[in-house]
Amino acid sequence: MKKIIIIGGGIAGLSAGIYSLQNGYEVALYEKNATPGGECTGWNRQGYHIDNCIHWLTGSTPANDLYPIWKNIGALTDDTTLYREPYFYCLHRDGKTLHFWSDPEKARAEFLEAAPEDSLEINKLFDHIRLSESVRVPCEKSLADMNLIEYLKFGMTMANMGKVINEYGNDTIADLAARFQNPLVREMITQYLHTSYKAITLLSSIGFYTGGSAAIPMGGSVGMIKRITDRFLSLGGKLYPNMPAINIKLDGHQAKSVSFADGSEVSCDFVICAADPAVTFDKLLPAKYMDKNLRKMYEIKEGYHVSSVFQISFGILGPEDCGLPCGSSVHPCEPYRVGKSDFDHIGIRLYDYDESLFPVDKRVILCNIPQEIADYEYWKTLHADRPRYLAEKEKIAEVIKHHICHLFPALENRLIILDTYSPYTFTKWCGAYKGAYMSFFEQKGYKSLTAKNSIRGLSNVFLASQWLSTNGGLPMAAVSGRFAAMKLMKKDKKISKSSRT
């Protein structure tokens, strides 16, 4: 069998490995860390579990195109229990509450009661959220490889999104909020994503909930990665942890081997780079091989933004009720600063839905505070002074703890700080560009882009990553792995046929 080396053991690398094994190749997957998963990970602190990744898994229903992919790679199995949250998120202010309920008609009624003066725009919003349920992730072929006819046919499968684009396609989230008179509704709309991001991004995300596609697999991120890893190993894949790749050695237009930090060098027939492209084209391959669309996303910073977070996790002492709403909620608070950004709201997420991870006396609160590139650069610079870096993280954690206890007095003396991480943490962990948890978000006036899985000028090197597409996350990572395996097999067959003739 021909041998494939996969660099990077996140969702994209594992997916590429599984599909390549099923296509009849020998696969060796090399991961820089002790465990696979990349940013889809979790860890334990003081007897509590911190889940870093899965807020929801898109494609968790059999009717969704992603579902067979999740099943095939082992993310979902026949005995995987799914938890469906009652709402996407909610906002509390001065005794008033708004929810983006998973039941859109319940949410519509709540918004109309709170803001009857905005009835026309509220009904329009929820009508278009329902239409946004039709959004699909391309699972059979990458958008970058579709011809015009294939692209139009794919677009026709979600024709309702055309109506959403016609209404909100030119709007940012700030523009969307400005359509409403009611201050609570405006506040609600602007407190989940950066206000410069496209309104359609928010509508589509809510549509995953209202359409039933979004769910959380029990066992969390670590449970899902274990299932996927077990699937990879059961098919005969070889996994090599603690093996950072440092270079792909080229001979003309082909990769001949991969060298690793321990001094070893492994020959291969094919390479799939599933590391962050910022690492691939900075360390493993010359930058000249970067796809033109991917290059645009990196270079046009005003058009393609990345976001990261400063995260604080708290453990709740004892099983007593603490008055927190379930899931994700947003609350106004006294101003505070994180990095270079100022905030007057706090977003919290209660983890109590999975008793195997969060028993009643080990519940966890996560606070993800949005950070932009200026914040990332602040944390990167500060990290060079380790004592100051740690002191600043601790100071912020204490401020947030104070705000939470002020909002929920029943938590006084019951919150313990478990862990903090800055945007720079995940650059150190897995090479994440600017510490980002998702790929680029295109801004108003800029097009969504998709890069190819193949590399022009190299016949046997391929890419698998969420970063190959704007708005990439777990789904794009999984399908990108599949597309890389498909492209590799197609190229191999073409080469084999050419050599025979």
Protein backbone atom coordinates (compact mmCIF):
# COMPACT_ATOMS: atom_id res chain seq x y z
CA MET A 1 0.00 0.00 0.00
CA LYS A 2 1.08 3.55 -0.65
CA LYS A 3 1.89 5.51 2.49
CA ILE A 4 0.35 8.80 3.56
CA ILE A 5 1.83 10.95 6.29
CA ILE A 6 -0.70 13.27 7.93
CA ILE A 7 0.69 16.20 9.90
CA GLY A 8 -1.72 17.31 12.62
CA GLY A 9 -4.15 15.27 14.69
CA GLY A 10 -7.10 17.63 14.97
CA ILE A 11 -10.53 16.98 13.46
CA ALA A 12 -9.27 17.64 9.92
CA GLY A 13 -6.28 15.31 10.25
CA LEU A 14 -8.26 12.50 11.84
CA SER A 15 -11.00 12.83 9.22
CA ALA A 16 -8.45 12.76 6.39
CA GLY A 17 -6.85 9.72 7.98
CA ILE A 18 -10.09 7.78 8.30
CA TYR A 19 -11.18 8.43 4.72
CA SER A 20 -7.69 7.62 3.41
CA LEU A 21 -7.66 4.31 5.29
CA GLN A 22 -11.04 3.48 3.82
CA ASN A 23 -9.60 4.27 0.38
CA GLY A 24 -6.93 1.60 0.89
CA TYR A 25 -3.87 3.61 1.94
CA GLU A 26 -1.42 3.12 4.78
CA VAL A 27 -1.71 6.12 7.08
CA ALA A 28 0.65 7.47 9.73
CA LEU A 29 -0.62 10.49 11.64
CA TYR A 30 1.87 12.67 13.51
CA GLU A 31 0.63 14.98 16.26
CA LYS A 32 2.78 17.58 18.03
CA ASN A 33 0.99 17.19 21.39
CA ALA A 34 0.55 14.22 23.69
CA THR A 35 -3.08 13.79 22.67
CA PRO A 36 -4.96 14.29 19.38
CA GLY A 37 -7.82 16.72 18.94
CA GLY A 38 -6.16 20.10 18.48
CA GLU A 39 -8.49 22.80 19.77
CA CYS A 40 -11.27 20.22 20.19
CA THR A 41 -10.10 19.29 23.65
CA GLY A 42 -10.82 19.46 27.36
CA TRP A 43 -8.88 19.03 30.59
CA ASN A 44 -9.34 18.51 34.31
CA ARG A 45 -8.53 20.97 37.10
CA GLN A 46 -9.12 20.46 40.83
CA GLY A 47 -11.54 17.62 40.17
CA TYR A 48 -13.57 19.63 37.63
CA HIS A 49 -13.69 19.19 33.86
CA ILE A 50 -13.23 22.08 31.42
CA ASP A 51 -14.62 21.55 27.91
CA ASN A 52 -12.85 23.88 25.51
CA CYS A 53 -14.63 23.33 22.24
CA ILE A 54 -18.11 22.06 21.55
CA HIS A 55 -20.81 24.67 22.09
CA TRP A 56 -22.92 22.79 19.58
CA LEU A 57 -22.28 20.23 16.84
CA THR A 58 -23.88 21.20 13.55
CA GLY A 59 -25.35 18.28 11.60
CA SER A 60 -26.61 16.22 14.53
CA THR A 61 -29.75 15.01 12.75
CA PRO A 62 -29.95 12.21 10.14
CA ALA A 63 -31.54 14.59 7.62
CA ASN A 64 -28.43 16.80 7.60
CA ASP A 65 -25.68 16.24 5.00
CA LEU A 66 -23.04 16.34 7.73
CA TYR A 67 -24.60 13.51 9.71
CA PRO A 68 -23.15 10.62 7.61
CA ILE A 69 -19.71 12.21 7.93
CA TRP A 70 -19.98 12.47 11.72
CA LYS A 71 -21.16 8.85 11.80
CA ASN A 72 -18.42 7.62 9.50
CA ILE A 73 -15.57 9.20 11.41
CA GLY A 74 -17.01 8.14 14.77
CA ALA A 75 -17.94 11.55 16.14
CA LEU A 76 -21.48 10.24 16.53
CA THR A 77 -22.28 6.59 17.12
CA ASP A 78 -25.53 4.71 17.57
CA ASP A 79 -25.20 4.97 21.33
CA THR A 80 -24.10 8.63 21.50
CA THR A 81 -26.64 10.58 23.53
CA LEU A 82 -27.33 14.12 22.33
CA TYR A 83 -28.34 17.09 24.44
CA ARG A 84 -30.36 19.81 22.73
CA GLU A 85 -30.29 23.13 24.52
CA PRO A 86 -33.54 25.05 25.01
CA TYR A 87 -32.09 28.26 23.56
CA PHE A 88 -29.13 29.62 21.63
CA TYR A 89 -28.44 32.33 24.21
CA CYS A 90 -30.36 34.76 26.39
CA LEU A 91 -29.92 38.31 27.67
CA HIS A 92 -30.86 39.48 31.18
CA ARG A 93 -31.21 43.16 32.06
CA ASP A 94 -33.09 44.85 34.92
CA GLY A 95 -35.43 41.91 35.45
CA LYS A 96 -36.18 41.56 31.73
CA THR A 97 -35.09 38.59 29.65
CA LEU A 98 -34.95 37.77 25.96
CA HIS A 99 -34.11 34.33 24.56
CA PHE A 100 -33.30 33.04 21.13
CA TRP A 101 -35.28 29.92 21.92
CA SER A 102 -34.78 26.76 19.91
CA ASP A 103 -38.53 27.01 19.40
CA PRO A 104 -38.60 30.05 17.08
CA GLU A 105 -42.27 30.80 17.64
CA LYS A 106 -41.72 30.93 21.39
CA ALA A 107 -38.86 33.38 20.78
CA ARG A 108 -40.97 35.43 18.36
CA ALA A 109 -43.75 35.77 20.93
CA GLU A 110 -41.30 36.81 23.65
CA PHE A 111 -39.69 39.48 21.42
CA LEU A 112 -43.11 40.81 20.34
CA GLU A 113 -44.25 41.10 23.94
CA ALA A 114 -41.06 42.94 24.92
CA ALA A 115 -41.01 45.26 21.89
CA PRO A 116 -44.40 45.66 20.19
CA GLU A 117 -43.11 48.82 18.52
CA ASP A 118 -40.75 46.60 16.50
CA SER A 119 -43.34 44.03 15.45
CA LEU A 120 -42.67 44.41 11.71
CA GLU A 121 -38.90 43.90 12.03
CA ILE A 122 -39.28 41.17 14.67
CA ASN A 123 -41.58 39.12 12.44
CA LYS A 124 -39.25 39.68 9.51
CA LEU A 125 -36.26 38.55 11.61
CA PHE A 126 -37.85 35.32 12.77
CA ASP A 127 -39.28 34.56 9.33
CA HIS A 128 -35.74 34.77 7.97
CA ILE A 129 -34.28 32.74 10.83
CA ARG A 130 -36.64 29.97 9.73
CA LEU A 131 -35.42 30.39 6.16
CA SER A 132 -31.82 30.24 7.42
CA GLU A 133 -32.43 26.68 8.58
CA SER A 134 -31.83 25.68 4.96
CA VAL A 135 -28.12 26.56 5.06
CA ARG A 136 -25.90 23.62 4.12
CA VAL A 137 -22.24 22.72 4.34
CA PRO A 138 -20.87 21.30 1.05
CA CYS A 139 -20.12 17.66 1.86
CA GLU A 140 -19.78 15.97 -1.54
CA LYS A 141 -17.36 18.37 -3.20
CA SER A 142 -15.40 21.44 -2.13
CA LEU A 143 -16.73 24.76 -3.38
CA ALA A 144 -13.22 25.46 -4.65
CA ASP A 145 -13.49 22.50 -7.05
CA MET A 146 -17.06 23.03 -8.25
CA ASN A 147 -17.65 24.26 -11.77
CA LEU A 148 -20.36 26.86 -12.42
CA ILE A 149 -23.12 24.29 -12.99
CA GLU A 150 -22.23 22.35 -9.83
CA TYR A 151 -22.07 25.58 -7.83
CA LEU A 152 -25.50 26.69 -9.07
CA LYS A 153 -26.99 23.26 -8.33
CA PHE A 154 -25.59 23.35 -4.81
CA GLY A 155 -27.03 26.82 -4.31
CA MET A 156 -30.44 25.61 -5.48
CA THR A 157 -30.51 23.02 -2.69
CA MET A 158 -30.80 25.87 -0.20
CA ALA A 159 -32.86 28.30 -2.23
CA ASN A 160 -34.40 29.84 0.89
CA MET A 161 -31.01 31.32 1.76
CA GLY A 162 -31.38 33.50 -1.33
CA LYS A 163 -34.26 35.29 0.38
CA VAL A 164 -32.15 35.76 3.51
CA ILE A 165 -29.29 37.18 1.44
CA ASN A 166 -31.66 39.54 -0.38
CA GLU A 167 -32.92 40.92 2.93
CA TYR A 168 -29.83 40.88 5.14
CA GLY A 169 -26.89 40.15 2.83
CA ASN A 170 -25.51 43.69 3.01
CA ASP A 171 -26.05 44.07 6.76
CA THR A 172 -23.54 43.75 9.56
CA ILE A 173 -24.77 42.79 13.00
CA ALA A 174 -24.64 46.50 13.88
CA ASP A 175 -26.84 47.24 10.84
CA LEU A 176 -29.26 44.51 11.91
CA ALA A 177 -29.54 45.94 15.42
CA ALA A 178 -30.16 49.44 14.02
CA ARG A 179 -33.37 48.18 12.37
CA PHE A 180 -34.97 47.98 15.84
CA GLN A 181 -36.19 50.78 18.10
CA ASN A 182 -36.28 48.80 21.34
CA PRO A 183 -32.97 49.09 23.24
CA LEU A 184 -33.28 45.61 24.77
CA VAL A 185 -33.66 44.03 21.33
CA ARG A 186 -30.71 46.03 20.01
CA GLU A 187 -28.64 44.93 22.96
CA MET A 188 -29.66 41.31 22.46
CA ILE A 189 -28.56 41.24 18.84
CA THR A 190 -25.16 42.84 19.43
CA GLN A 191 -23.96 40.73 22.37
CA TYR A 192 -23.00 37.42 20.76
CA LEU A 193 -20.73 38.15 17.79
CA HIS A 194 -18.58 41.13 16.88
CA THR A 195 -20.85 43.84 15.48
CA SER A 196 -18.77 44.11 12.29
CA TYR A 197 -19.56 40.52 11.33
CA LYS A 198 -22.27 39.77 8.81
CA ALA A 199 -25.83 39.53 10.08
CA ILE A 200 -26.28 36.29 8.12
CA THR A 201 -23.66 34.64 10.33
CA LEU A 202 -25.86 35.26 13.37
CA LEU A 203 -29.08 34.23 11.63
CA SER A 204 -27.54 31.00 10.34
CA SER A 205 -26.19 30.13 13.79
CA ILE A 206 -29.62 30.60 15.35
CA GLY A 207 -31.08 28.59 12.45
CA PHE A 208 -28.96 25.59 13.46
CA TYR A 209 -30.84 25.63 16.76
CA THR A 210 -34.34 26.31 15.45
CA GLY A 211 -33.89 23.70 12.71
CA GLY A 212 -32.76 21.02 15.17
CA SER A 213 -29.33 20.57 13.58
CA ALA A 214 -27.38 21.72 16.65
CA ALA A 215 -26.80 19.39 19.58
CA ILE A 216 -24.09 18.54 22.10
CA PRO A 217 -22.80 14.95 22.19
CA MET A 218 -22.53 13.59 25.70
CA GLY A 219 -18.92 13.13 26.72
CA GLY A 220 -18.06 16.54 25.35
CA SER A 221 -15.04 17.36 23.24
CA VAL A 222 -12.76 14.74 24.80
CA GLY A 223 -15.40 12.05 24.38
CA MET A 224 -15.90 12.89 20.72
CA ILE A 225 -12.16 12.96 20.01
CA LYS A 226 -11.74 9.59 21.72
CA ARG A 227 -14.45 8.07 19.52
CA ILE A 228 -12.86 9.51 16.37
CA THR A 229 -9.38 8.39 17.41
CA ASP A 230 -10.66 4.90 18.20
CA ARG A 231 -12.24 4.80 14.76
CA PHE A 232 -8.96 5.83 13.13
CA LEU A 233 -6.99 3.19 15.03
CA SER A 234 -9.57 0.46 14.40
CA LEU A 235 -9.12 0.93 10.66
CA GLY A 236 -5.38 0.35 10.98
CA GLY A 237 -4.13 3.93 11.26
CA LYS A 238 -0.92 4.62 13.16
CA LEU A 239 -0.85 7.53 15.58
CA TYR A 240 2.42 9.13 16.71
CA PRO A 241 1.95 11.73 19.50
CA ASN A 242 4.59 14.16 20.71
CA MET A 243 6.03 14.33 17.20
CA PRO A 244 6.14 17.92 15.90
CA ALA A 245 6.95 18.06 12.19
CA ILE A 246 9.58 20.63 11.26
CA ASN A 247 9.92 20.28 7.50
CA ILE A 248 8.50 18.61 4.38
CA LYS A 249 11.45 17.69 2.19
CA LEU A 250 10.83 18.29 -1.49
CA ASP A 251 12.47 16.87 -4.57
CA GLY A 252 11.30 18.96 -7.49
CA HIS A 253 7.50 18.92 -7.51
CA GLN A 254 7.16 16.10 -4.98
CA ALA A 255 7.42 15.59 -1.25
CA LYS A 256 9.81 12.75 -0.46
CA SER A 257 9.83 12.73 3.33
CA VAL A 258 8.92 14.59 6.51
CA SER A 259 11.42 15.45 9.21
CA PHE A 260 10.51 15.75 12.88
CA ALA A 261 11.77 17.57 15.95
CA ASP A 262 13.32 14.40 17.40
CA GLY A 263 15.69 14.22 14.43
CA SER A 264 13.88 11.44 12.60
CA GLU A 265 12.92 11.55 8.95
CA VAL A 266 10.11 9.43 7.45
CA SER A 267 9.64 8.80 3.74
CA CYS A 268 6.19 8.66 2.18
CA ASP A 269 4.21 8.63 -1.05
CA PHE A 270 1.84 11.45 -0.04
CA VAL A 271 1.55 14.14 2.62
CA ILE A 272 -1.62 15.71 3.98
CA CYS A 273 -0.93 18.88 5.96
CA ALA A 274 -3.64 19.18 8.57
CA ALA A 275 -1.76 21.65 10.72
CA ASP A 276 -2.83 25.28 10.90
CA PRO A 277 -1.90 26.76 7.47
CA ALA A 278 -0.01 29.53 9.26
CA VAL A 279 2.32 26.77 10.46
CA THR A 280 2.29 24.83 7.18
CA PHE A 281 3.41 27.81 5.09
CA ASP A 282 5.72 29.29 7.67
CA LYS A 283 7.65 26.19 8.74
CA LEU A 284 6.79 23.11 6.69
CA LEU A 285 6.55 24.45 3.14
CA PRO A 286 7.66 27.59 1.31
CA ALA A 287 5.00 30.34 1.41
CA LYS A 288 4.95 30.49 -2.41
CA TYR A 289 2.79 27.34 -2.44
CA MET A 290 -0.11 28.96 -0.58
CA ASP A 291 -3.42 28.97 -2.49
CA LYS A 292 -4.36 32.41 -3.84
CA ASN A 293 -7.68 32.50 -1.97
CA LEU A 294 -6.03 31.47 1.28
CA ARG A 295 -3.39 34.14 0.75
CA LYS A 296 -6.12 36.77 0.29
CA MET A 297 -7.67 35.82 3.61
CA TYR A 298 -4.35 36.22 5.41
CA GLU A 299 -3.26 39.41 3.65
CA ILE A 300 -6.50 41.44 3.39
CA LYS A 301 -6.90 41.98 7.12
CA GLU A 302 -9.62 44.60 6.80
CA GLY A 303 -11.75 42.14 4.85
CA TYR A 304 -11.11 38.89 6.68
CA HIS A 305 -11.11 39.03 10.47
CA VAL A 306 -10.19 36.42 13.05
CA SER A 307 -11.45 36.23 16.60
CA SER A 308 -10.12 34.58 19.70
CA VAL A 309 -11.11 34.53 23.36
CA PHE A 310 -9.78 35.02 26.83
CA GLN A 311 -11.31 32.18 28.80
CA ILE A 312 -11.88 31.81 32.51
CA SER A 313 -13.33 28.66 34.07
CA PHE A 314 -14.89 28.53 37.52
CA GLY A 315 -15.89 25.55 39.61
CA ILE A 316 -19.08 25.77 41.68
CA LEU A 317 -18.73 24.41 45.22
CA GLY A 318 -21.62 22.25 46.37
CA PRO A 319 -24.84 20.99 44.79
CA GLU A 320 -27.11 23.81 46.00
CA ASP A 321 -29.01 25.91 43.48
CA CYS A 322 -27.16 29.04 42.45
CA GLY A 323 -29.79 30.79 40.33
CA LEU A 324 -27.90 30.63 37.05
CA PRO A 325 -29.80 30.24 33.78
CA CYS A 326 -28.86 27.12 31.86
CA GLY A 327 -26.63 27.29 28.80
CA SER A 328 -25.31 30.63 27.51
CA SER A 329 -26.45 33.93 28.96
CA VAL A 330 -25.33 37.57 28.70
CA HIS A 331 -25.55 40.14 31.50
CA PRO A 332 -24.66 43.85 31.74
CA CYS A 333 -22.06 44.67 34.38
CA GLU A 334 -19.60 47.33 35.49
CA PRO A 335 -16.94 48.11 32.85
CA TYR A 336 -13.76 46.04 32.76
CA ARG A 337 -10.81 45.56 30.41
CA VAL A 338 -9.28 42.43 28.91
CA GLY A 339 -6.23 42.86 26.72
CA LYS A 340 -6.77 46.09 24.79
CA SER A 341 -10.58 45.89 24.76
CA ASP A 342 -13.20 47.28 27.14
CA PHE A 343 -16.45 45.52 28.02
CA ASP A 344 -19.65 46.27 29.93
CA HIS A 345 -21.30 42.86 29.53
CA ILE A 346 -20.33 39.43 30.70
CA GLY A 347 -21.21 36.23 28.90
CA ILE A 348 -21.36 33.05 30.96
CA ARG A 349 -22.05 29.44 30.09
CA LEU A 350 -23.14 26.92 32.70
CA TYR A 351 -21.91 23.37 32.17
CA ASP A 352 -24.28 21.07 34.04
CA TYR A 353 -26.02 19.05 31.31
CA ASP A 354 -23.68 16.03 31.27
CA GLU A 355 -23.49 14.22 34.60
CA SER A 356 -20.52 12.16 33.42
CA LEU A 357 -18.48 15.36 33.08
CA PHE A 358 -20.32 17.86 35.29
CA PRO A 359 -22.01 16.14 38.25
CA VAL A 360 -24.14 18.38 40.42
CA ASP A 361 -21.30 19.09 42.85
CA LYS A 362 -18.78 19.68 40.03
CA ARG A 363 -20.59 22.14 37.80
CA VAL A 364 -18.51 24.58 35.78
CA ILE A 365 -18.98 28.14 34.56
CA LEU A 366 -17.02 29.27 31.50
CA CYS A 367 -16.58 32.89 30.51
CA ASN A 368 -15.35 33.44 26.96
CA ILE A 369 -14.39 37.08 26.50
CA PRO A 370 -13.98 38.08 22.82
CA GLN A 371 -10.52 39.19 21.71
CA GLU A 372 -9.37 40.70 18.45
CA ILE A 373 -5.93 40.89 16.82
CA ALA A 374 -4.80 43.88 18.91
CA ASP A 375 -5.65 41.89 22.03
CA TYR A 376 -3.74 38.89 20.72
CA GLU A 377 -0.63 40.99 20.15
CA TYR A 378 -0.96 42.36 23.69
CA TRP A 379 -1.03 38.86 25.18
CA LYS A 380 1.78 37.62 22.96
CA THR A 381 4.01 40.49 24.08
CA LEU A 382 3.04 40.12 27.73
CA HIS A 383 3.77 36.38 27.65
CA ALA A 384 7.49 37.17 27.37
CA ASP A 385 7.28 38.45 30.97
CA ARG A 386 5.87 35.35 32.59
CA PRO A 387 5.17 36.77 36.09
CA ARG A 388 3.31 39.79 34.67
CA TYR A 389 1.42 37.55 32.24
CA LEU A 390 0.21 35.25 35.04
CA ALA A 391 -0.60 38.17 37.33
CA GLU A 392 -2.72 39.86 34.65
CA LYS A 393 -4.67 36.68 33.98
CA GLU A 394 -5.31 36.22 37.71
CA LYS A 395 -6.43 39.84 38.09
CA ILE A 396 -8.97 39.50 35.28
CA ALA A 397 -10.26 36.24 36.72
CA GLU A 398 -10.86 37.92 40.08
CA VAL A 399 -12.71 40.81 38.42
CA ILE A 400 -14.98 38.43 36.51
CA LYS A 401 -15.55 36.35 39.63
CA HIS A 402 -16.64 39.51 41.46
CA HIS A 403 -19.08 40.39 38.66
CA ILE A 404 -20.60 36.90 38.63
CA CYS A 405 -21.10 36.87 42.39
CA HIS A 406 -22.68 40.32 42.21
CA LEU A 407 -25.11 39.05 39.57
CA PHE A 408 -25.78 35.80 41.44
CA PRO A 409 -25.36 36.32 45.21
CA ALA A 410 -25.98 32.62 45.87
CA LEU A 411 -22.51 32.00 44.39
CA GLU A 412 -20.72 34.13 46.98
CA ASN A 413 -17.91 32.04 48.52
CA ARG A 414 -18.82 29.15 46.21
CA LEU A 415 -16.74 29.98 43.12
CA ILE A 416 -13.19 28.75 42.65
CA ILE A 417 -10.99 29.80 39.75
CA LEU A 418 -10.00 26.66 37.87
CA ASP A 419 -8.03 27.97 34.92
CA THR A 420 -7.48 30.88 32.58
CA TYR A 421 -6.03 31.08 29.11
CA SER A 422 -5.30 33.93 26.76
CA PRO A 423 -5.49 33.95 22.95
CA TYR A 424 -1.77 33.22 22.88
CA THR A 425 -2.32 29.92 24.71
CA PHE A 426 -3.69 28.19 21.64
CA THR A 427 -0.96 29.49 19.40
CA LYS A 428 1.44 27.69 21.74
CA TRP A 429 -0.82 24.63 21.95
CA CYS A 430 -1.53 23.95 18.30
CA GLY A 431 -0.21 26.82 16.24
CA ALA A 432 -3.60 28.53 15.97
CA TYR A 433 -3.27 31.69 13.90
CA LYS A 434 -3.72 34.67 16.25
CA GLY A 435 -5.12 32.22 18.79
CA ALA A 436 -8.34 31.92 16.75
CA TYR A 437 -10.90 29.17 17.42
CA MET A 438 -12.51 29.48 13.96
CA SER A 439 -11.22 30.58 10.58
CA PHE A 440 -11.70 33.95 8.92
CA PHE A 441 -14.98 35.88 9.01
CA GLU A 442 -15.47 37.88 5.84
CA GLN A 443 -16.51 41.47 6.48
CA LYS A 444 -19.09 43.63 4.75
CA GLY A 445 -18.19 44.10 1.08
CA TYR A 446 -15.95 41.02 0.91
CA LYS A 447 -16.74 37.61 -0.55
CA SER A 448 -16.74 34.26 1.15
CA LEU A 449 -13.70 32.34 -0.09
CA THR A 450 -12.64 28.70 -0.26
CA ALA A 451 -9.11 27.45 -0.95
CA LYS A 452 -8.26 24.19 -2.69
CA ASN A 453 -7.17 21.04 -0.88
CA SER A 454 -4.47 20.43 -3.47
CA ILE A 455 -1.31 22.52 -3.81
CA ARG A 456 -0.40 23.94 -7.18
CA GLY A 457 3.16 22.96 -8.03
CA LEU A 458 3.27 19.94 -5.71
CA SER A 459 1.84 16.69 -7.02
CA ASN A 460 1.59 14.71 -3.78
CA VAL A 461 0.91 17.24 -1.00
CA PHE A 462 -2.62 18.14 0.12
CA LEU A 463 -4.29 20.35 2.71
CA ALA A 464 -7.00 19.66 5.28
CA SER A 465 -8.08 22.47 7.59
CA GLN A 466 -11.03 24.56 8.73
CA TRP A 467 -8.95 27.53 7.52
CA LEU A 468 -9.48 26.65 3.87
CA SER A 469 -12.90 28.33 4.04
CA THR A 470 -14.31 31.45 5.64
CA ASN A 471 -16.52 30.74 8.66
CA GLY A 472 -14.71 27.45 9.19
CA GLY A 473 -15.19 25.42 12.35
CA LEU A 474 -15.65 21.76 13.25
CA PRO A 475 -17.87 20.96 10.22
CA MET A 476 -15.44 22.52 7.75
CA ALA A 477 -12.52 20.71 9.40
CA ALA A 478 -14.28 17.35 9.01
CA VAL A 479 -15.34 17.85 5.39
CA SER A 480 -11.95 19.30 4.52
CA GLY A 481 -10.34 16.06 5.69
CA ARG A 482 -12.70 14.10 3.49
CA PHE A 483 -12.02 16.36 0.49
CA ALA A 484 -8.25 16.02 0.94
CA ALA A 485 -8.53 12.22 0.93
CA MET A 486 -10.75 12.35 -2.16
CA LYS A 487 -8.39 14.69 -4.00
CA LEU A 488 -5.39 12.54 -3.09
CA MET A 489 -7.01 9.35 -4.37
CA LYS A 490 -8.09 11.05 -7.60
CA LYS A 491 -4.55 12.37 -8.18
CA ASP A 492 -3.07 8.93 -7.39
CA LYS A 493 -5.34 7.21 -9.89
CA LYS A 494 -4.43 9.76 -12.53
CA ILE A 495 -0.72 9.25 -11.90
CA SER A 496 -1.09 5.46 -11.93
CA LYS A 497 -3.05 5.54 -15.18
CA SER A 498 -0.46 7.81 -16.78
CA SER A 499 2.41 5.52 -15.75
CA ARG A 500 0.66 2.46 -17.22
CA THR A 501 0.13 4.16 -20.57
